Amino acid sequence: MSSVERAAKGPAVVDRVNVALIAEAVEAMGKLQERTGLKKVDLVNRALLIYEFIDAELRAGSKVLLRDPEGRDQLVKIFL
């Protein structure tokens, strides 16, 4: 199989995990599926990548800010 064919199929699966989600996580996943059209596996992979990035940044002393459409910044408190 060529690298182009492999890339078209998406990333290779390197680990499988079964998880039990709490009710709030199930609700959040449902909302995300409705808004994005992504599969559960894609949402979980993206969530883990984002979580790891934010965790590393916070541990390095960075802050998380959200900017609304009017340009106002809001500091986000995240408890890890």
C-alpha atoms as a PDB file:
ATOM      1  CA  MET A   1       0.000   0.000   0.000  1.00  0.00           C
ATOM      2  CA  SER A   2       1.390   3.410  -0.938  1.00  0.00           C
ATOM      3  CA  SER A   3       1.760   6.276   1.537  1.00  0.00           C
ATOM      4  CA  VAL A   4      -1.025   8.115  -0.303  1.00  0.00           C
ATOM      5  CA  GLU A   5      -3.368   5.159   0.182  1.00  0.00           C
ATOM      6  CA  ARG A   6      -2.428   4.929   3.886  1.00  0.00           C
ATOM      7  CA  ALA A   7      -3.004   8.652   4.372  1.00  0.00           C
ATOM      8  CA  ALA A   8      -6.424   8.405   2.718  1.00  0.00           C
ATOM      9  CA  LYS A   9      -7.468   5.729   5.227  1.00  0.00           C
ATOM     10  CA  GLY A  10      -6.489   7.949   8.184  1.00  0.00           C
ATOM     11  CA  PRO A  11      -4.066   7.359  11.025  1.00  0.00           C
ATOM     12  CA  ALA A  12      -3.219   3.819  12.038  1.00  0.00           C
ATOM     13  CA  VAL A  13      -4.822   2.482  15.203  1.00  0.00           C
ATOM     14  CA  VAL A  14      -2.090   1.919  17.755  1.00  0.00           C
ATOM     15  CA  ASP A  15      -4.168   1.252  20.873  1.00  0.00           C
ATOM     16  CA  ARG A  16      -7.750   0.409  21.759  1.00  0.00           C
ATOM     17  CA  VAL A  17      -9.389   1.461  25.022  1.00  0.00           C
ATOM     18  CA  ASN A  18     -12.822   0.749  26.465  1.00  0.00           C
ATOM     19  CA  VAL A  19     -14.114   3.527  28.708  1.00  0.00           C
ATOM     20  CA  ALA A  20     -17.206   4.106  30.812  1.00  0.00           C
ATOM     21  CA  LEU A  21     -18.435   7.676  30.360  1.00  0.00           C
ATOM     22  CA  ILE A  22     -20.235   9.663  33.029  1.00  0.00           C
ATOM     23  CA  ALA A  23     -23.621  11.148  32.126  1.00  0.00           C
ATOM     24  CA  GLU A  24     -22.202  14.643  31.512  1.00  0.00           C
ATOM     25  CA  ALA A  25     -19.593  13.255  29.090  1.00  0.00           C
ATOM     26  CA  VAL A  26     -22.264  11.310  27.171  1.00  0.00           C
ATOM     27  CA  GLU A  27     -24.352  14.475  26.884  1.00  0.00           C
ATOM     28  CA  ALA A  28     -21.336  16.502  25.734  1.00  0.00           C
ATOM     29  CA  MET A  29     -20.448  13.856  23.154  1.00  0.00           C
ATOM     30  CA  GLY A  30     -23.979  13.880  21.786  1.00  0.00           C
ATOM     31  CA  LYS A  31     -23.938  17.669  21.446  1.00  0.00           C
ATOM     32  CA  LEU A  32     -20.557  17.559  19.719  1.00  0.00           C
ATOM     33  CA  GLN A  33     -21.711  14.842  17.324  1.00  0.00           C
ATOM     34  CA  GLU A  34     -24.745  16.942  16.385  1.00  0.00           C
ATOM     35  CA  ARG A  35     -22.653  20.094  15.824  1.00  0.00           C
ATOM     36  CA  THR A  36     -19.665  18.523  14.090  1.00  0.00           C
ATOM     37  CA  GLY A  37     -20.899  15.307  12.477  1.00  0.00           C
ATOM     38  CA  LEU A  38     -17.772  13.573  13.786  1.00  0.00           C
ATOM     39  CA  LYS A  39     -17.685   9.965  14.986  1.00  0.00           C
ATOM     40  CA  LYS A  40     -17.259   9.207  18.685  1.00  0.00           C
ATOM     41  CA  VAL A  41     -13.747   7.879  18.132  1.00  0.00           C
ATOM     42  CA  ASP A  42     -12.734  11.117  16.396  1.00  0.00           C
ATOM     43  CA  LEU A  43     -14.183  13.230  19.193  1.00  0.00           C
ATOM     44  CA  VAL A  44     -12.368  11.218  21.867  1.00  0.00           C
ATOM     45  CA  ASN A  45      -9.058  11.418  19.981  1.00  0.00           C
ATOM     46  CA  ARG A  46      -9.409  15.186  19.527  1.00  0.00           C
ATOM     47  CA  ALA A  47     -10.417  15.681  23.157  1.00  0.00           C
ATOM     48  CA  LEU A  48      -7.343  13.834  24.384  1.00  0.00           C
ATOM     49  CA  LEU A  49      -5.034  15.812  22.110  1.00  0.00           C
ATOM     50  CA  ILE A  50      -6.547  19.106  23.277  1.00  0.00           C
ATOM     51  CA  TYR A  51      -6.405  18.049  26.934  1.00  0.00           C
ATOM     52  CA  GLU A  52      -2.746  17.077  26.656  1.00  0.00           C
ATOM     53  CA  PHE A  53      -1.901  20.400  24.972  1.00  0.00           C
ATOM     54  CA  ILE A  54      -3.732  22.481  27.600  1.00  0.00           C
ATOM     55  CA  ASP A  55      -2.264  20.459  30.463  1.00  0.00           C
ATOM     56  CA  ALA A  56       1.283  20.945  29.136  1.00  0.00           C
ATOM     57  CA  GLU A  57       0.735  24.680  28.614  1.00  0.00           C
ATOM     58  CA  LEU A  58      -0.752  25.214  32.079  1.00  0.00           C
ATOM     59  CA  ARG A  59       2.080  23.264  33.715  1.00  0.00           C
ATOM     60  CA  ALA A  60       4.527  25.507  31.835  1.00  0.00           C
ATOM     61  CA  GLY A  61       2.852  28.567  33.357  1.00  0.00           C
ATOM     62  CA  SER A  62       0.654  29.653  30.454  1.00  0.00           C
ATOM     63  CA  LYS A  63      -2.906  30.936  30.915  1.00  0.00           C
ATOM     64  CA  VAL A  64      -5.995  30.025  28.891  1.00  0.00           C
ATOM     65  CA  LEU A  65      -8.005  32.951  27.522  1.00  0.00           C
ATOM     66  CA  LEU A  66     -11.156  33.077  25.425  1.00  0.00           C
ATOM     67  CA  ARG A  67     -11.852  36.077  23.203  1.00  0.00           C
ATOM     68  CA  ASP A  68     -15.480  36.748  22.352  1.00  0.00           C
ATOM     69  CA  PRO A  69     -16.591  38.170  18.978  1.00  0.00           C
ATOM     70  CA  GLU A  70     -16.449  41.729  20.391  1.00  0.00           C
ATOM     71  CA  GLY A  71     -12.777  41.279  21.325  1.00  0.00           C
ATOM     72  CA  ARG A  72     -13.253  40.931  25.085  1.00  0.00           C
ATOM     73  CA  ASP A  73     -10.926  38.462  26.787  1.00  0.00           C
ATOM     74  CA  GLN A  74     -12.010  36.118  29.556  1.00  0.00           C
ATOM     75  CA  LEU A  75      -9.539  34.164  31.675  1.00  0.00           C
ATOM     76  CA  VAL A  76     -10.575  30.511  31.879  1.00  0.00           C
ATOM     77  CA  LYS A  77      -9.990  28.663  35.126  1.00  0.00           C
ATOM     78  CA  ILE A  78      -9.203  25.013  34.505  1.00  0.00           C
ATOM     79  CA  PHE A  79      -8.712  22.621  37.379  1.00  0.00           C
ATOM     80  CA  LEU A  80      -6.578  19.613  36.482  1.00  0.00           C
END
